[in-house]
Amino acid sequence: MSLFDKLSAATEARDVAAYADLMADDFTFVRHQNGTSMNKAETTEMLKKMMANGGTMGTRRKIYENDDILVLHSINDYPDGTREAVLAAYTLRGGKITRLETGATPL
Protein backbone atom coordinates (compact mmCIF):
# COMPACT_ATOMS: atom_id res chain seq x y z
CA MET A 1 0.00 0.00 0.00
CA SER A 2 1.39 3.41 -0.96
CA LEU A 3 1.94 6.10 1.64
CA PHE A 4 -0.80 8.12 -0.07
CA ASP A 5 -3.25 5.24 0.44
CA LYS A 6 -2.24 4.84 4.11
CA LEU A 7 -2.52 8.59 4.72
CA SER A 8 -5.93 8.72 3.02
CA ALA A 9 -7.23 5.73 5.00
CA ALA A 10 -6.09 7.25 8.31
CA THR A 11 -7.65 10.61 7.44
CA GLU A 12 -10.97 9.13 6.31
CA ALA A 13 -11.17 6.98 9.45
CA ARG A 14 -10.18 9.98 11.62
CA ASP A 15 -7.49 7.68 13.04
CA VAL A 16 -4.94 10.08 14.50
CA ALA A 17 -2.73 7.25 15.81
CA ALA A 18 -2.48 5.68 12.34
CA TYR A 19 -1.69 9.08 10.83
CA ALA A 20 0.97 9.81 13.48
CA ASP A 21 2.51 6.38 12.87
CA LEU A 22 3.30 7.53 9.32
CA MET A 23 5.44 10.39 10.69
CA ALA A 24 9.13 9.98 11.49
CA ASP A 25 10.22 10.85 15.03
CA ASP A 26 12.00 13.96 13.69
CA PHE A 27 8.93 15.06 11.68
CA THR A 28 8.44 18.78 11.00
CA PHE A 29 5.28 20.50 9.73
CA VAL A 30 5.79 23.96 8.22
CA ARG A 31 2.46 25.77 8.50
CA HIS A 32 1.27 27.77 5.51
CA GLN A 33 -0.70 30.19 7.68
CA ASN A 34 2.33 31.77 9.30
CA GLY A 35 5.50 29.86 8.35
CA THR A 36 6.00 28.48 11.85
CA SER A 37 7.03 24.85 12.41
CA MET A 38 5.49 22.11 14.53
CA ASN A 39 7.06 18.82 15.61
CA LYS A 40 5.38 15.40 15.58
CA ALA A 41 3.77 15.76 19.02
CA GLU A 42 2.42 19.24 18.26
CA THR A 43 1.10 18.14 14.86
CA THR A 44 -0.55 15.08 16.40
CA GLU A 45 -2.36 17.29 18.92
CA MET A 46 -3.51 19.60 16.13
CA LEU A 47 -4.81 16.61 14.14
CA LYS A 48 -6.72 15.35 17.19
CA LYS A 49 -8.51 18.68 17.46
CA MET A 50 -9.20 18.92 13.74
CA MET A 51 -10.54 15.39 13.46
CA ALA A 52 -12.61 15.63 16.64
CA ASN A 53 -14.47 18.84 15.92
CA GLY A 54 -16.02 18.21 12.55
CA GLY A 55 -13.54 19.64 10.08
CA THR A 56 -12.75 17.65 6.97
CA MET A 57 -9.52 17.42 5.08
CA GLY A 58 -11.50 16.88 1.92
CA THR A 59 -10.99 14.46 -0.89
CA ARG A 60 -7.31 14.06 -1.48
CA ARG A 61 -5.86 13.80 -4.96
CA LYS A 62 -2.36 12.45 -5.45
CA ILE A 63 -0.32 14.64 -7.79
CA TYR A 64 2.93 12.66 -7.51
CA GLU A 65 4.50 10.02 -5.27
CA ASN A 66 7.81 8.18 -5.12
CA ASP A 67 10.11 7.01 -2.31
CA ASP A 68 11.26 10.58 -1.60
CA ILE A 69 8.18 12.79 -1.95
CA LEU A 70 4.39 12.78 -1.97
CA VAL A 71 2.51 15.77 -3.39
CA LEU A 72 -1.23 15.98 -2.91
CA HIS A 73 -4.09 18.42 -3.29
CA SER A 74 -7.28 18.70 -1.25
CA ILE A 75 -10.17 21.01 -0.51
CA ASN A 76 -10.45 21.39 3.26
CA ASP A 77 -13.52 22.51 5.20
CA TYR A 78 -12.81 23.82 8.69
CA PRO A 79 -15.15 23.93 11.72
CA ASP A 80 -15.22 27.75 11.60
CA GLY A 81 -16.85 27.56 8.15
CA THR A 82 -13.78 28.49 6.12
CA ARG A 83 -12.54 26.46 3.15
CA GLU A 84 -9.11 26.20 1.58
CA ALA A 85 -7.57 24.54 -1.46
CA VAL A 86 -4.40 22.97 -0.03
CA LEU A 87 -1.30 21.76 -1.84
CA ALA A 88 0.87 19.61 0.41
CA ALA A 89 4.43 18.37 -0.13
CA TYR A 90 5.48 15.45 2.08
CA THR A 91 9.21 14.69 2.22
CA LEU A 92 9.76 10.97 2.85
CA ARG A 93 12.53 8.81 4.28
CA GLY A 94 12.29 5.06 4.78
CA GLY A 95 8.52 5.09 4.23
CA LYS A 96 7.91 7.76 6.89
CA ILE A 97 7.05 11.44 6.54
CA THR A 98 9.92 13.65 7.70
CA ARG A 99 8.55 17.02 6.61
CA LEU A 100 5.19 18.41 5.54
CA GLU A 101 4.93 21.82 3.95
CA THR A 102 1.63 23.24 2.76
CA GLY A 103 0.38 26.10 0.65
CA ALA A 104 -3.27 27.12 0.63
CA THR A 105 -5.71 29.36 -1.15
CA PRO A 106 -8.84 30.50 0.73
CA LEU A 107 -12.06 29.63 -1.11
PDB file of N, CA and C in Angstrom:
ATOM      1  N   MET A   1       0.853  -1.175   0.000  1.00  0.00           N
ATOM      2  CA  MET A   1       0.000   0.000   0.000  1.00  0.00           C
ATOM      3  C   MET A   1       0.901   1.241   0.000  1.00  0.00           C
ATOM      4  N   SER A   2       0.588   2.192  -0.867  1.00  0.00           N
ATOM      5  CA  SER A   2       1.391   3.411  -0.958  1.00  0.00           C
ATOM      6  C   SER A   2       1.166   4.278   0.282  1.00  0.00           C
ATOM      7  N   LEU A   3       2.091   5.184   0.520  1.00  0.00           N
ATOM      8  CA  LEU A   3       1.939   6.102   1.642  1.00  0.00           C
ATOM      9  C   LEU A   3       0.683   6.943   1.458  1.00  0.00           C
ATOM     10  N   PHE A   4       0.416   7.357   0.213  1.00  0.00           N
ATOM     11  CA  PHE A   4      -0.800   8.119  -0.067  1.00  0.00           C
ATOM     12  C   PHE A   4      -2.042   7.347   0.379  1.00  0.00           C
ATOM     13  N   ASP A   5      -2.096   6.059   0.054  1.00  0.00           N
ATOM     14  CA  ASP A   5      -3.248   5.236   0.445  1.00  0.00           C
ATOM     15  C   ASP A   5      -3.360   5.110   1.963  1.00  0.00           C
ATOM     16  N   LYS A   6      -2.236   4.936   2.640  1.00  0.00           N
ATOM     17  CA  LYS A   6      -2.240   4.836   4.106  1.00  0.00           C
ATOM     18  C   LYS A   6      -2.686   6.149   4.742  1.00  0.00           C
ATOM     19  N   LEU A   7      -2.167   7.264   4.218  1.00  0.00           N
ATOM     20  CA  LEU A   7      -2.523   8.585   4.722  1.00  0.00           C
ATOM     21  C   LEU A   7      -4.012   8.857   4.503  1.00  0.00           C
ATOM     22  N   SER A   8      -4.509   8.518   3.336  1.00  0.00           N
ATOM     23  CA  SER A   8      -5.926   8.720   3.023  1.00  0.00           C
ATOM     24  C   SER A   8      -6.819   7.875   3.923  1.00  0.00           C
ATOM     25  N   ALA A   9      -6.441   6.625   4.138  1.00  0.00           N
ATOM     26  CA  ALA A   9      -7.230   5.732   4.998  1.00  0.00           C
ATOM     27  C   ALA A   9      -7.275   6.258   6.428  1.00  0.00           C
ATOM     28  N   ALA A  10      -6.139   6.710   6.948  1.00  0.00           N
ATOM     29  CA  ALA A  10      -6.094   7.247   8.313  1.00  0.00           C
ATOM     30  C   ALA A  10      -6.943   8.506   8.425  1.00  0.00           C
ATOM     31  N   THR A  11      -6.874   9.367   7.426  1.00  0.00           N
ATOM     32  CA  THR A  11      -7.648  10.607   7.439  1.00  0.00           C
ATOM     33  C   THR A  11      -9.145  10.323   7.369  1.00  0.00           C
ATOM     34  N   GLU A  12      -9.546   9.457   6.461  1.00  0.00           N
ATOM     35  CA  GLU A  12     -10.970   9.130   6.311  1.00  0.00           C
ATOM     36  C   GLU A  12     -11.537   8.481   7.566  1.00  0.00           C
ATOM     37  N   ALA A  13     -10.731   7.657   8.229  1.00  0.00           N
ATOM     38  CA  ALA A  13     -11.167   6.981   9.450  1.00  0.00           C
ATOM     39  C   ALA A  13     -11.025   7.875  10.688  1.00  0.00           C
ATOM     40  N   ARG A  14     -10.466   9.068  10.497  1.00  0.00           N
ATOM     41  CA  ARG A  14     -10.177   9.980  11.616  1.00  0.00           C
ATOM     42  C   ARG A  14      -9.331   9.275  12.684  1.00  0.00           C
ATOM     43  N   ASP A  15      -8.370   8.479  12.193  1.00  0.00           N
ATOM     44  CA  ASP A  15      -7.490   7.684  13.044  1.00  0.00           C
ATOM     45  C   ASP A  15      -6.166   8.428  13.228  1.00  0.00           C
ATOM     46  N   VAL A  16      -6.107   9.253  14.255  1.00  0.00           N
ATOM     47  CA  VAL A  16      -4.936  10.081  14.496  1.00  0.00           C
ATOM     48  C   VAL A  16      -3.709   9.220  14.778  1.00  0.00           C
ATOM     49  N   ALA A  17      -3.872   8.117  15.490  1.00  0.00           N
ATOM     50  CA  ALA A  17      -2.733   7.249  15.811  1.00  0.00           C
ATOM     51  C   ALA A  17      -2.133   6.653  14.533  1.00  0.00           C
ATOM     52  N   ALA A  18      -2.973   6.228  13.605  1.00  0.00           N
ATOM     53  CA  ALA A  18      -2.479   5.675  12.340  1.00  0.00           C
ATOM     54  C   ALA A  18      -1.769   6.749  11.525  1.00  0.00           C
ATOM     55  N   TYR A  19      -2.318   7.968  11.540  1.00  0.00           N
ATOM     56  CA  TYR A  19      -1.695   9.083  10.828  1.00  0.00           C
ATOM     57  C   TYR A  19      -0.333   9.387  11.452  1.00  0.00           C
ATOM     58  N   ALA A  20      -0.280   9.485  12.776  1.00  0.00           N
ATOM     59  CA  ALA A  20       0.967   9.808  13.478  1.00  0.00           C
ATOM     60  C   ALA A  20       2.021   8.725  13.261  1.00  0.00           C
ATOM     61  N   ASP A  21       1.576   7.485  13.098  1.00  0.00           N
ATOM     62  CA  ASP A  21       2.512   6.384  12.866  1.00  0.00           C
ATOM     63  C   ASP A  21       3.234   6.535  11.522  1.00  0.00           C
ATOM     64  N   LEU A  22       2.673   7.304  10.624  1.00  0.00           N
ATOM     65  CA  LEU A  22       3.303   7.534   9.324  1.00  0.00           C
ATOM     66  C   LEU A  22       4.384   8.607   9.391  1.00  0.00           C
ATOM     67  N   MET A  23       4.459   9.328  10.511  1.00  0.00           N
ATOM     68  CA  MET A  23       5.444  10.393  10.685  1.00  0.00           C
ATOM     69  C   MET A  23       6.708   9.854  11.343  1.00  0.00           C
ATOM     70  N   ALA A  24       7.855  10.312  10.851  1.00  0.00           N
ATOM     71  CA  ALA A  24       9.133   9.981  11.486  1.00  0.00           C
ATOM     72  C   ALA A  24       9.212  10.701  12.828  1.00  0.00           C
ATOM     73  N   ASP A  25      10.066  10.217  13.703  1.00  0.00           N
ATOM     74  CA  ASP A  25      10.219  10.847  15.027  1.00  0.00           C
ATOM     75  C   ASP A  25      10.700  12.292  14.919  1.00  0.00           C
ATOM     76  N   ASP A  26      11.486  12.599  13.874  1.00  0.00           N
ATOM     77  CA  ASP A  26      11.995  13.962  13.690  1.00  0.00           C
ATOM     78  C   ASP A  26      11.133  14.780  12.716  1.00  0.00           C
ATOM     79  N   PHE A  27       9.890  14.402  12.574  1.00  0.00           N
ATOM     80  CA  PHE A  27       8.935  15.057  11.679  1.00  0.00           C
ATOM     81  C   PHE A  27       8.816  16.557  11.970  1.00  0.00           C
ATOM     82  N   THR A  28       8.674  17.343  10.897  1.00  0.00           N
ATOM     83  CA  THR A  28       8.439  18.785  10.997  1.00  0.00           C
ATOM     84  C   THR A  28       7.307  19.164  10.052  1.00  0.00           C
ATOM     85  N   PHE A  29       6.364  19.957  10.544  1.00  0.00           N
ATOM     86  CA  PHE A  29       5.283  20.505   9.731  1.00  0.00           C
ATOM     87  C   PHE A  29       5.479  22.008   9.652  1.00  0.00           C
ATOM     88  N   VAL A  30       5.668  22.522   8.433  1.00  0.00           N
ATOM     89  CA  VAL A  30       5.795  23.961   8.224  1.00  0.00           C
ATOM     90  C   VAL A  30       4.415  24.469   7.826  1.00  0.00           C
ATOM     91  N   ARG A  31       3.844  25.314   8.667  1.00  0.00           N
ATOM     92  CA  ARG A  31       2.463  25.773   8.504  1.00  0.00           C
ATOM     93  C   ARG A  31       2.371  26.901   7.488  1.00  0.00           C
ATOM     94  N   HIS A  32       1.442  26.755   6.552  1.00  0.00           N
ATOM     95  CA  HIS A  32       1.272  27.769   5.514  1.00  0.00           C
ATOM     96  C   HIS A  32       0.673  29.065   6.049  1.00  0.00           C
ATOM     97  N   GLN A  33      -0.045  28.991   7.154  1.00  0.00           N
ATOM     98  CA  GLN A  33      -0.704  30.185   7.680  1.00  0.00           C
ATOM     99  C   GLN A  33       0.298  31.250   8.119  1.00  0.00           C
ATOM    100  N   ASN A  34       1.407  30.791   8.727  1.00  0.00           N
ATOM    101  CA  ASN A  34       2.330  31.772   9.295  1.00  0.00           C
ATOM    102  C   ASN A  34       3.808  31.388   9.185  1.00  0.00           C
ATOM    103  N   GLY A  35       4.111  30.269   8.539  1.00  0.00           N
ATOM    104  CA  GLY A  35       5.495  29.859   8.353  1.00  0.00           C
ATOM    105  C   GLY A  35       6.165  29.249   9.569  1.00  0.00           C
ATOM    106  N   THR A  36       5.422  29.099  10.659  1.00  0.00           N
ATOM    107  CA  THR A  36       6.004  28.479  11.849  1.00  0.00           C
ATOM    108  C   THR A  36       6.080  26.966  11.660  1.00  0.00           C
ATOM    109  N   SER A  37       6.867  26.313  12.489  1.00  0.00           N
ATOM    110  CA  SER A  37       7.034  24.854  12.412  1.00  0.00           C
ATOM    111  C   SER A  37       6.459  24.176  13.642  1.00  0.00           C
ATOM    112  N   MET A  38       5.993  22.953  13.438  1.00  0.00           N
ATOM    113  CA  MET A  38       5.490  22.113  14.532  1.00  0.00           C
ATOM    114  C   MET A  38       6.182  20.759  14.436  1.00  0.00           C
ATOM    115  N   ASN A  39       6.469  20.148  15.599  1.00  0.00           N
ATOM    116  CA  ASN A  39       7.059  18.817  15.606  1.00  0.00           C
ATOM    117  C   ASN A  39       5.956  17.753  15.565  1.00  0.00           C
ATOM    118  N   LYS A  40       6.337  16.500  15.672  1.00  0.00           N
ATOM    119  CA  LYS A  40       5.378  15.404  15.579  1.00  0.00           C
ATOM    120  C   LYS A  40       4.316  15.480  16.674  1.00  0.00           C
ATOM    121  N   ALA A  41       4.731  15.709  17.908  1.00  0.00           N
ATOM    122  CA  ALA A  41       3.770  15.761  19.020  1.00  0.00           C
ATOM    123  C   ALA A  41       2.787  16.915  18.850  1.00  0.00           C
ATOM    124  N   GLU A  42       3.290  18.077  18.459  1.00  0.00           N
ATOM    125  CA  GLU A  42       2.424  19.238  18.261  1.00  0.00           C
ATOM    126  C   GLU A  42       1.453  19.019  17.095  1.00  0.00           C
ATOM    127  N   THR A  43       1.953  18.419  16.022  1.00  0.00           N
ATOM    128  CA  THR A  43       1.105  18.141  14.862  1.00  0.00           C
ATOM    129  C   THR A  43       0.041  17.111  15.208  1.00  0.00           C
ATOM    130  N   THR A  44       0.414  16.114  15.982  1.00  0.00           N
ATOM    131  CA  THR A  44      -0.553  15.084  16.400  1.00  0.00           C
ATOM    132  C   THR A  44      -1.671  15.708  17.220  1.00  0.00           C
ATOM    133  N   GLU A  45      -1.337  16.613  18.121  1.00  0.00           N
ATOM    134  CA  GLU A  45      -2.364  17.292  18.918  1.00  0.00           C
ATOM    135  C   GLU A  45      -3.284  18.134  18.039  1.00  0.00           C
ATOM    136  N   MET A  46      -2.711  18.812  17.059  1.00  0.00           N
ATOM    137  CA  MET A  46      -3.515  19.604  16.133  1.00  0.00           C
ATOM    138  C   MET A  46      -4.470  18.698  15.342  1.00  0.00           C
ATOM    139  N   LEU A  47      -3.969  17.549  14.885  1.00  0.00           N
ATOM    140  CA  LEU A  47      -4.808  16.607  14.142  1.00  0.00           C
ATOM    141  C   LEU A  47      -5.945  16.078  15.007  1.00  0.00           C
ATOM    142  N   LYS A  48      -5.662  15.804  16.281  1.00  0.00           N
ATOM    143  CA  LYS A  48      -6.723  15.347  17.193  1.00  0.00           C
ATOM    144  C   LYS A  48      -7.854  16.356  17.247  1.00  0.00           C
ATOM    145  N   LYS A  49      -7.502  17.620  17.387  1.00  0.00           N
ATOM    146  CA  LYS A  49      -8.514  18.679  17.464  1.00  0.00           C
ATOM    147  C   LYS A  49      -9.275  18.804  16.146  1.00  0.00           C
ATOM    148  N   MET A  50      -8.555  18.785  15.031  1.00  0.00           N
ATOM    149  CA  MET A  50      -9.198  18.924  13.738  1.00  0.00           C
ATOM    150  C   MET A  50     -10.163  17.776  13.453  1.00  0.00           C
ATOM    151  N   MET A  51      -9.727  16.563  13.765  1.00  0.00           N
ATOM    152  CA  MET A  51     -10.545  15.388  13.459  1.00  0.00           C
ATOM    153  C   MET A  51     -11.706  15.227  14.435  1.00  0.00           C
ATOM    154  N   ALA A  52     -11.564  15.777  15.634  1.00  0.00           N
ATOM    155  CA  ALA A  52     -12.613  15.630  16.642  1.00  0.00           C
ATOM    156  C   ALA A  52     -13.734  16.640  16.497  1.00  0.00           C
ATOM    157  N   ASN A  53     -13.446  17.802  15.898  1.00  0.00           N
ATOM    158  CA  ASN A  53     -14.466  18.844  15.922  1.00  0.00           C
ATOM    159  C   ASN A  53     -15.157  19.105  14.592  1.00  0.00           C
ATOM    160  N   GLY A  54     -15.175  18.117  13.725  1.00  0.00           N
ATOM    161  CA  GLY A  54     -16.018  18.207  12.547  1.00  0.00           C
ATOM    162  C   GLY A  54     -15.406  18.751  11.285  1.00  0.00           C
ATOM    163  N   GLY A  55     -14.167  19.191  11.310  1.00  0.00           N
ATOM    164  CA  GLY A  55     -13.542  19.643  10.079  1.00  0.00           C
ATOM    165  C   GLY A  55     -13.230  18.463   9.173  1.00  0.00           C
ATOM    166  N   THR A  56     -13.131  18.714   7.890  1.00  0.00           N
ATOM    167  CA  THR A  56     -12.753  17.645   6.971  1.00  0.00           C
ATOM    168  C   THR A  56     -11.550  18.080   6.165  1.00  0.00           C
ATOM    169  N   MET A  57     -10.681  17.142   5.899  1.00  0.00           N
ATOM    170  CA  MET A  57      -9.515  17.422   5.084  1.00  0.00           C
ATOM    171  C   MET A  57      -9.825  17.190   3.611  1.00  0.00           C
ATOM    172  N   GLY A  58     -11.073  16.967   3.308  1.00  0.00           N
ATOM    173  CA  GLY A  58     -11.504  16.881   1.917  1.00  0.00           C
ATOM    174  C   GLY A  58     -10.983  15.666   1.182  1.00  0.00           C
ATOM    175  N   THR A  59     -11.458  15.533  -0.028  1.00  0.00           N
ATOM    176  CA  THR A  59     -10.991  14.457  -0.887  1.00  0.00           C
ATOM    177  C   THR A  59      -9.586  14.790  -1.347  1.00  0.00           C
ATOM    178  N   ARG A  60      -8.692  13.864  -1.095  1.00  0.00           N
ATOM    179  CA  ARG A  60      -7.306  14.065  -1.479  1.00  0.00           C
ATOM    180  C   ARG A  60      -7.074  13.522  -2.886  1.00  0.00           C
ATOM    181  N   ARG A  61      -6.236  14.232  -3.629  1.00  0.00           N
ATOM    182  CA  ARG A  61      -5.859  13.796  -4.965  1.00  0.00           C
ATOM    183  C   ARG A  61      -4.345  13.771  -5.026  1.00  0.00           C
ATOM    184  N   LYS A  62      -3.819  12.596  -5.362  1.00  0.00           N
ATOM    185  CA  LYS A  62      -2.363  12.454  -5.451  1.00  0.00           C
ATOM    186  C   LYS A  62      -1.887  13.080  -6.754  1.00  0.00           C
ATOM    187  N   ILE A  63      -0.940  14.012  -6.630  1.00  0.00           N
ATOM    188  CA  ILE A  63      -0.318  14.638  -7.790  1.00  0.00           C
ATOM    189  C   ILE A  63       0.897  13.816  -8.218  1.00  0.00           C
ATOM    190  N   TYR A  64       1.714  13.412  -7.219  1.00  0.00           N
ATOM    191  CA  TYR A  64       2.927  12.655  -7.507  1.00  0.00           C
ATOM    192  C   TYR A  64       3.383  11.941  -6.234  1.00  0.00           C
ATOM    193  N   GLU A  65       3.935  10.746  -6.408  1.00  0.00           N
ATOM    194  CA  GLU A  65       4.499  10.016  -5.265  1.00  0.00           C
ATOM    195  C   GLU A  65       5.628   9.125  -5.737  1.00  0.00           C
ATOM    196  N   ASN A  66       6.743   9.160  -4.982  1.00  0.00           N
ATOM    197  CA  ASN A  66       7.814   8.177  -5.123  1.00  0.00           C
ATOM    198  C   ASN A  66       8.382   7.930  -3.730  1.00  0.00           C
ATOM    199  N   ASP A  67       9.550   7.330  -3.627  1.00  0.00           N
ATOM    200  CA  ASP A  67      10.110   7.007  -2.313  1.00  0.00           C
ATOM    201  C   ASP A  67      10.592   8.238  -1.535  1.00  0.00           C
ATOM    202  N   ASP A  68      10.715   9.383  -2.222  1.00  0.00           N
ATOM    203  CA  ASP A  68      11.262  10.578  -1.603  1.00  0.00           C
ATOM    204  C   ASP A  68      10.245  11.677  -1.328  1.00  0.00           C
ATOM    205  N   ILE A  69       9.136  11.689  -2.076  1.00  0.00           N
ATOM    206  CA  ILE A  69       8.176  12.792  -1.953  1.00  0.00           C
ATOM    207  C   ILE A  69       6.768  12.332  -2.315  1.00  0.00           C
ATOM    208  N   LEU A  70       5.806  12.938  -1.644  1.00  0.00           N
ATOM    209  CA  LEU A  70       4.389  12.778  -1.965  1.00  0.00           C
ATOM    210  C   LEU A  70       3.817  14.179  -2.080  1.00  0.00           C
ATOM    211  N   VAL A  71       3.158  14.473  -3.192  1.00  0.00           N
ATOM    212  CA  VAL A  71       2.512  15.765  -3.390  1.00  0.00           C
ATOM    213  C   VAL A  71       1.032  15.498  -3.571  1.00  0.00           C
ATOM    214  N   LEU A  72       0.206  16.177  -2.774  1.00  0.00           N
ATOM    215  CA  LEU A  72      -1.232  15.978  -2.911  1.00  0.00           C
ATOM    216  C   LEU A  72      -1.981  17.289  -2.833  1.00  0.00           C
ATOM    217  N   HIS A  73      -3.212  17.247  -3.295  1.00  0.00           N
ATOM    218  CA  HIS A  73      -4.092  18.418  -3.294  1.00  0.00           C
ATOM    219  C   HIS A  73      -5.397  18.025  -2.627  1.00  0.00           C
ATOM    220  N   SER A  74      -5.977  18.955  -1.872  1.00  0.00           N
ATOM    221  CA  SER A  74      -7.280  18.697  -1.251  1.00  0.00           C
ATOM    222  C   SER A  74      -8.027  20.011  -1.063  1.00  0.00           C
ATOM    223  N   ILE A  75      -9.326  19.891  -0.904  1.00  0.00           N
ATOM    224  CA  ILE A  75     -10.171  21.011  -0.512  1.00  0.00           C
ATOM    225  C   ILE A  75     -10.574  20.727   0.927  1.00  0.00           C
ATOM    226  N   ASN A  76     -10.183  21.604   1.842  1.00  0.00           N
ATOM    227  CA  ASN A  76     -10.446  21.387   3.260  1.00  0.00           C
ATOM    228  C   ASN A  76     -11.546  22.310   3.759  1.00  0.00           C
ATOM    229  N   ASP A  77     -12.459  21.748   4.545  1.00  0.00           N
ATOM    230  CA  ASP A  77     -13.519  22.507   5.203  1.00  0.00           C
ATOM    231  C   ASP A  77     -13.217  22.509   6.694  1.00  0.00           C
ATOM    232  N   TYR A  78     -13.175  23.686   7.290  1.00  0.00           N
ATOM    233  CA  TYR A  78     -12.814  23.815   8.691  1.00  0.00           C
ATOM    234  C   TYR A  78     -14.045  24.114   9.540  1.00  0.00           C
ATOM    235  N   PRO A  79     -13.990  23.751  10.830  1.00  0.00           N
ATOM    236  CA  PRO A  79     -15.146  23.935  11.720  1.00  0.00           C
ATOM    237  C   PRO A  79     -15.648  25.375  11.803  1.00  0.00           C
ATOM    238  N   ASP A  80     -14.786  26.352  11.527  1.00  0.00           N
ATOM    239  CA  ASP A  80     -15.223  27.749  11.596  1.00  0.00           C
ATOM    240  C   ASP A  80     -15.934  28.203  10.316  1.00  0.00           C
ATOM    241  N   GLY A  81     -16.138  27.260   9.379  1.00  0.00           N
ATOM    242  CA  GLY A  81     -16.855  27.564   8.150  1.00  0.00           C
ATOM    243  C   GLY A  81     -15.974  27.986   6.987  1.00  0.00           C
ATOM    244  N   THR A  82     -14.680  28.115   7.208  1.00  0.00           N
ATOM    245  CA  THR A  82     -13.780  28.487   6.121  1.00  0.00           C
ATOM    246  C   THR A  82     -13.399  27.259   5.300  1.00  0.00           C
ATOM    247  N   ARG A  83     -12.987  27.527   4.061  1.00  0.00           N
ATOM    248  CA  ARG A  83     -12.536  26.464   3.155  1.00  0.00           C
ATOM    249  C   ARG A  83     -11.223  26.905   2.524  1.00  0.00           C
ATOM    250  N   GLU A  84     -10.363  25.926   2.253  1.00  0.00           N
ATOM    251  CA  GLU A  84      -9.106  26.198   1.575  1.00  0.00           C
ATOM    252  C   GLU A  84      -8.809  25.103   0.561  1.00  0.00           C
ATOM    253  N   ALA A  85      -8.183  25.495  -0.536  1.00  0.00           N
ATOM    254  CA  ALA A  85      -7.565  24.545  -1.459  1.00  0.00           C
ATOM    255  C   ALA A  85      -6.124  24.402  -0.985  1.00  0.00           C
ATOM    256  N   VAL A  86      -5.709  23.186  -0.647  1.00  0.00           N
ATOM    257  CA  VAL A  86      -4.400  22.971  -0.026  1.00  0.00           C
ATOM    258  C   VAL A  86      -3.531  22.090  -0.916  1.00  0.00           C
ATOM    259  N   LEU A  87      -2.312  22.549  -1.159  1.00  0.00           N
ATOM    260  CA  LEU A  87      -1.299  21.763  -1.839  1.00  0.00           C
ATOM    261  C   LEU A  87      -0.275  21.377  -0.781  1.00  0.00           C
ATOM    262  N   ALA A  88      -0.016  20.096  -0.647  1.00  0.00           N
ATOM    263  CA  ALA A  88       0.874  19.608   0.405  1.00  0.00           C
ATOM    264  C   ALA A  88       2.027  18.806  -0.196  1.00  0.00           C
ATOM    265  N   ALA A  89       3.237  19.100   0.276  1.00  0.00           N
ATOM    266  CA  ALA A  89       4.430  18.366  -0.126  1.00  0.00           C
ATOM    267  C   ALA A  89       4.968  17.629   1.093  1.00  0.00           C
ATOM    268  N   TYR A  90       4.985  16.315   1.017  1.00  0.00           N
ATOM    269  CA  TYR A  90       5.482  15.451   2.083  1.00  0.00           C
ATOM    270  C   TYR A  90       6.860  14.932   1.672  1.00  0.00           C
ATOM    271  N   THR A  91       7.882  15.246   2.453  1.00  0.00           N
ATOM    272  CA  THR A  91       9.208  14.690   2.219  1.00  0.00           C
ATOM    273  C   THR A  91       9.284  13.369   2.973  1.00  0.00           C
ATOM    274  N   LEU A  92       9.784  12.328   2.294  1.00  0.00           N
ATOM    275  CA  LEU A  92       9.760  10.966   2.847  1.00  0.00           C
ATOM    276  C   LEU A  92      11.168  10.416   3.033  1.00  0.00           C
ATOM    277  N   ARG A  93      11.294   9.540   4.035  1.00  0.00           N
ATOM    278  CA  ARG A  93      12.532   8.815   4.285  1.00  0.00           C
ATOM    279  C   ARG A  93      12.161   7.471   4.893  1.00  0.00           C
ATOM    280  N   GLY A  94      12.548   6.400   4.244  1.00  0.00           N
ATOM    281  CA  GLY A  94      12.286   5.065   4.776  1.00  0.00           C
ATOM    282  C   GLY A  94      10.807   4.779   4.992  1.00  0.00           C
ATOM    283  N   GLY A  95       9.950   5.332   4.127  1.00  0.00           N
ATOM    284  CA  GLY A  95       8.515   5.086   4.231  1.00  0.00           C
ATOM    285  C   GLY A  95       7.797   5.932   5.266  1.00  0.00           C
ATOM    286  N   LYS A  96       8.505   6.877   5.887  1.00  0.00           N
ATOM    287  CA  LYS A  96       7.912   7.765   6.888  1.00  0.00           C
ATOM    288  C   LYS A  96       7.981   9.209   6.400  1.00  0.00           C
ATOM    289  N   ILE A  97       7.069  10.024   6.887  1.00  0.00           N
ATOM    290  CA  ILE A  97       7.049  11.440   6.544  1.00  0.00           C
ATOM    291  C   ILE A  97       8.012  12.178   7.472  1.00  0.00           C
ATOM    292  N   THR A  98       8.978  12.886   6.885  1.00  0.00           N
ATOM    293  CA  THR A  98       9.923  13.646   7.695  1.00  0.00           C
ATOM    294  C   THR A  98       9.573  15.134   7.727  1.00  0.00           C
ATOM    295  N   ARG A  99       8.892  15.590   6.682  1.00  0.00           N
ATOM    296  CA  ARG A  99       8.547  17.018   6.606  1.00  0.00           C
ATOM    297  C   ARG A  99       7.270  17.166   5.791  1.00  0.00           C
ATOM    298  N   LEU A 100       6.413  18.048   6.261  1.00  0.00           N
ATOM    299  CA  LEU A 100       5.192  18.407   5.537  1.00  0.00           C
ATOM    300  C   LEU A 100       5.180  19.916   5.411  1.00  0.00           C
ATOM    301  N   GLU A 101       5.044  20.381   4.179  1.00  0.00           N
ATOM    302  CA  GLU A 101       4.927  21.819   3.947  1.00  0.00           C
ATOM    303  C   GLU A 101       3.702  22.042   3.075  1.00  0.00           C
ATOM    304  N   THR A 102       2.872  23.004   3.472  1.00  0.00           N
ATOM    305  CA  THR A 102       1.630  23.243   2.761  1.00  0.00           C
ATOM    306  C   THR A 102       1.568  24.661   2.208  1.00  0.00           C
ATOM    307  N   GLY A 103       0.746  24.793   1.201  1.00  0.00           N
ATOM    308  CA  GLY A 103       0.381  26.098   0.654  1.00  0.00           C
ATOM    309  C   GLY A 103      -1.122  26.054   0.463  1.00  0.00           C
ATOM    310  N   ALA A 104      -1.812  27.150   0.697  1.00  0.00           N
ATOM    311  CA  ALA A 104      -3.270  27.123   0.627  1.00  0.00           C
ATOM    312  C   ALA A 104      -3.825  28.397   0.031  1.00  0.00           C
ATOM    313  N   THR A 105      -4.972  28.235  -0.605  1.00  0.00           N
ATOM    314  CA  THR A 105      -5.715  29.362  -1.148  1.00  0.00           C
ATOM    315  C   THR A 105      -7.099  29.355  -0.513  1.00  0.00           C
ATOM    316  N   PRO A 106      -7.479  30.431   0.160  1.00  0.00           N
ATOM    317  CA  PRO A 106      -8.842  30.505   0.728  1.00  0.00           C
ATOM    318  C   PRO A 106      -9.879  30.437  -0.397  1.00  0.00           C
ATOM    319  N   LEU A 107     -10.972  29.749  -0.131  1.00  0.00           N
ATOM    320  CA  LEU A 107     -12.063  29.632  -1.114  1.00  0.00           C
ATOM    321  C   LEU A 107     -13.290  30.353  -0.597  1.00  0.00           C
TER     322      LEU A 107
END
